[in-house]
Amino acid sequence: MSEVIRGLSFVHEWQVIEPILVPFLVRCGMAALCGGIIGLERELKQKPAGLRTNIMICVGAAMYMAIGMLVAREGATGVDPTRIAAQVVSGIGFLGAGCIIQQGAHITGLTSAATIWVVAAIGLIAGAGFPLLALIAALMVLATLVVLAPIEERLFHPSHSDDFHNGQKK
C-alpha cells in the first residue's frame, strides 16, 4: 500500500480525498463541538481538564476512529477500526489517571478522569460516523455534570450544602 501512496500525485490525492473530506470534517467538527460543550462546563468549574483538553481528546479520538474506518474501507489488510478504538480507550486511561490525586483519605479528580474517558468515547462515536449520537451523548454527559452536582452536594455532603448554595467553596 505504501507504494500506491508514494505514487499518487497531488491532483490524484485531491480526487481521492474530496469525496471523504466533508464527512471527515463533519465527524471531527461534531467531536470538537461535543468536547467543547463538556469542556466549557469543566472550565467554568475550574477543573483541571477544561475546554481545550476536552476538545483535543474528543477530536483526537474522532480522527483515530475516522482514519481507521477509512483505511479499512479501502480494503487494507490487517486494519480493524475496533482495535483502534480499543487502543484509544487504553491510552486515554493513562491521561485520566493523571487527574486523580490522593491526599490522605481524600481523593480528587475522579470526575475529571471519568469526563476524559467519556469524552474520548464521544469522539469515537463521532469518528465512526454517528455525529448525532455523539451530540446526544455529550448532552447526556453535560446534564449529568450540571444537574447532578447540586443534588449530589445536597444528598451526600450536607455539611457543605450551605456553603455550596451561598457561592462559597471550602
Protein backbone atom coordinates (compact mmCIF):
# COMPACT_ATOMS: atom_id res chain seq x y z
CA MET A 1 0.00 0.00 0.00
CA SER A 2 2.90 2.39 0.68
CA GLU A 3 4.00 2.15 -2.99
CA VAL A 4 0.50 3.25 -4.01
CA ILE A 5 0.61 6.21 -1.64
CA ARG A 6 4.06 7.26 -2.87
CA GLY A 7 2.88 7.07 -6.50
CA LEU A 8 -0.06 9.45 -6.07
CA SER A 9 0.25 12.96 -7.41
CA PHE A 10 -1.28 15.90 -5.56
CA VAL A 11 -4.10 16.13 -8.11
CA HIS A 12 -4.85 12.45 -7.76
CA GLU A 13 -4.69 12.74 -3.98
CA TRP A 14 -7.28 15.54 -4.08
CA GLN A 15 -9.56 13.37 -6.22
CA VAL A 16 -9.32 10.63 -3.61
CA ILE A 17 -9.72 12.98 -0.63
CA GLU A 18 -12.52 15.18 -1.99
CA PRO A 19 -15.40 12.69 -1.50
CA ILE A 20 -14.36 11.91 2.08
CA LEU A 21 -13.42 15.44 3.14
CA VAL A 22 -16.90 16.66 4.07
CA PRO A 23 -17.80 13.56 6.12
CA PHE A 24 -14.41 13.79 7.87
CA LEU A 25 -14.95 17.47 8.67
CA VAL A 26 -18.49 16.79 9.93
CA ARG A 27 -17.25 14.00 12.20
CA CYS A 28 -14.33 15.98 13.59
CA GLY A 29 -16.37 19.18 13.77
CA MET A 30 -19.07 17.46 15.80
CA ALA A 31 -16.40 15.98 18.04
CA ALA A 32 -14.99 19.48 18.61
CA LEU A 33 -18.45 20.78 19.44
CA CYS A 34 -19.17 17.92 21.83
CA GLY A 35 -15.79 18.18 23.53
CA GLY A 36 -16.27 21.95 23.74
CA ILE A 37 -19.68 21.68 25.38
CA ILE A 38 -18.34 19.41 28.09
CA GLY A 39 -15.02 21.24 28.34
CA LEU A 40 -16.76 24.57 28.86
CA GLU A 41 -18.65 23.17 31.84
CA ARG A 42 -15.39 21.83 33.31
CA GLU A 43 -13.64 25.14 32.62
CA LEU A 44 -16.39 27.13 34.35
CA LYS A 45 -15.99 24.88 37.40
CA GLN A 46 -12.21 25.47 37.22
CA LYS A 47 -11.39 21.77 36.87
CA PRO A 48 -8.01 20.56 35.59
CA ALA A 49 -9.28 19.18 32.27
CA GLY A 50 -11.08 22.13 30.72
CA LEU A 51 -12.16 23.43 27.35
CA ARG A 52 -9.10 22.83 25.19
CA THR A 53 -8.27 19.49 26.79
CA ASN A 54 -11.73 18.06 26.21
CA ILE A 55 -11.87 19.34 22.64
CA MET A 56 -8.47 17.84 21.85
CA ILE A 57 -9.37 14.48 23.38
CA CYS A 58 -12.70 14.30 21.56
CA VAL A 59 -11.31 15.39 18.18
CA GLY A 60 -8.28 13.13 18.53
CA ALA A 61 -10.44 10.09 19.24
CA ALA A 62 -12.68 11.00 16.29
CA MET A 63 -9.68 11.31 13.99
CA TYR A 64 -8.26 7.95 15.04
CA MET A 65 -11.61 6.26 14.51
CA ALA A 66 -12.34 8.01 11.21
CA ILE A 67 -8.95 7.22 9.70
CA GLY A 68 -9.22 3.62 10.87
CA MET A 69 -12.59 3.28 9.20
CA LEU A 70 -11.36 4.94 6.01
CA VAL A 71 -8.32 2.70 5.74
CA ALA A 72 -10.44 -0.39 6.47
CA ARG A 73 -12.96 0.74 3.84
CA GLU A 74 -10.19 0.93 1.27
CA GLY A 75 -9.55 -2.78 1.86
CA ALA A 76 -6.23 -2.58 3.67
CA THR A 77 -5.41 -5.91 5.26
CA GLY A 78 -4.94 -6.11 9.00
CA VAL A 79 -6.82 -2.88 9.75
CA ASP A 80 -9.61 -3.20 12.29
CA PRO A 81 -11.27 0.03 13.48
CA THR A 82 -12.42 -1.69 16.68
CA ARG A 83 -8.78 -2.33 17.58
CA ILE A 84 -8.05 1.35 17.06
CA ALA A 85 -10.96 2.24 19.34
CA ALA A 86 -9.66 -0.18 21.97
CA GLN A 87 -6.25 1.48 21.87
CA VAL A 88 -7.85 4.91 22.32
CA VAL A 89 -9.68 3.59 25.39
CA SER A 90 -6.46 2.15 26.82
CA GLY A 91 -4.41 5.23 26.10
CA ILE A 92 -6.95 7.66 27.48
CA GLY A 93 -6.91 5.77 30.77
CA PHE A 94 -3.36 6.97 31.37
CA LEU A 95 -4.36 10.57 30.72
CA GLY A 96 -7.33 10.29 33.07
CA ALA A 97 -5.20 8.70 35.76
CA GLY A 98 -3.10 11.85 35.81
CA CYS A 99 -6.13 13.81 37.04
CA ILE A 100 -6.64 11.66 40.12
CA ILE A 101 -4.94 12.94 43.25
CA GLN A 102 -4.98 11.27 46.65
CA GLN A 103 -4.31 13.32 49.76
CA GLY A 104 -4.64 11.03 52.76
CA ALA A 105 -8.16 9.63 52.75
CA HIS A 106 -9.37 12.34 50.33
CA ILE A 107 -9.36 11.61 46.58
CA THR A 108 -9.98 14.29 43.97
CA GLY A 109 -10.15 14.27 40.20
CA LEU A 110 -12.31 11.20 39.70
CA THR A 111 -14.99 13.15 37.85
CA SER A 112 -12.36 14.82 35.67
CA ALA A 113 -10.85 11.41 34.88
CA ALA A 114 -14.27 9.99 34.07
CA THR A 115 -15.04 13.01 31.91
CA ILE A 116 -11.84 12.48 29.92
CA TRP A 117 -12.78 8.84 29.43
CA VAL A 118 -16.33 9.57 28.28
CA VAL A 119 -15.23 12.45 26.00
CA ALA A 120 -12.93 10.01 24.20
CA ALA A 121 -15.89 7.66 23.75
CA ILE A 122 -17.95 10.52 22.32
CA GLY A 123 -15.12 11.24 19.88
CA LEU A 124 -15.09 7.59 18.82
CA ILE A 125 -18.84 7.75 18.19
CA ALA A 126 -18.46 10.87 16.05
CA GLY A 127 -15.46 9.43 14.21
CA ALA A 128 -17.36 6.22 13.49
CA GLY A 129 -19.90 8.26 11.55
CA PHE A 130 -22.61 8.90 14.11
CA PRO A 131 -22.32 12.64 14.84
CA LEU A 132 -25.92 12.98 16.03
CA LEU A 133 -25.42 10.17 18.55
CA ALA A 134 -22.23 11.90 19.69
CA LEU A 135 -24.16 15.12 20.30
CA ILE A 136 -26.86 13.25 22.23
CA ALA A 137 -24.18 11.56 24.34
CA ALA A 138 -22.46 14.90 25.00
CA LEU A 139 -25.74 16.44 26.13
CA MET A 140 -26.32 13.48 28.45
CA VAL A 141 -22.87 13.95 29.96
CA LEU A 142 -23.42 17.69 30.30
CA ALA A 143 -26.76 17.08 32.04
CA THR A 144 -25.07 14.63 34.39
CA LEU A 145 -22.35 17.14 35.29
CA VAL A 146 -24.67 20.14 35.67
CA VAL A 147 -27.88 18.69 37.08
CA LEU A 148 -26.45 16.10 39.42
CA ALA A 149 -23.74 18.28 41.02
CA PRO A 150 -26.10 20.21 43.33
CA ILE A 151 -28.14 17.09 44.04
CA GLU A 152 -25.02 15.14 44.95
CA GLU A 153 -23.82 18.01 47.13
CA ARG A 154 -27.14 18.21 48.99
CA LEU A 155 -27.58 14.45 49.47
CA PHE A 156 -24.05 13.28 50.16
CA HIS A 157 -22.29 16.35 51.55
CA PRO A 158 -24.93 18.13 53.63
CA SER A 159 -22.32 19.93 55.74
CA HIS A 160 -21.03 21.64 52.57
CA SER A 161 -24.51 22.24 51.20
CA ASP A 162 -24.97 25.66 52.82
CA ASP A 163 -21.56 26.81 51.59
CA PHE A 164 -22.32 25.43 48.10
CA HIS A 165 -25.57 27.38 47.79
CA ASN A 166 -24.09 30.59 49.20
CA GLY A 167 -21.49 30.55 46.44
CA GLN A 168 -18.62 29.63 48.76
CA LYS A 169 -16.29 26.70 48.38
CA LYS A 170 -14.50 25.05 51.25
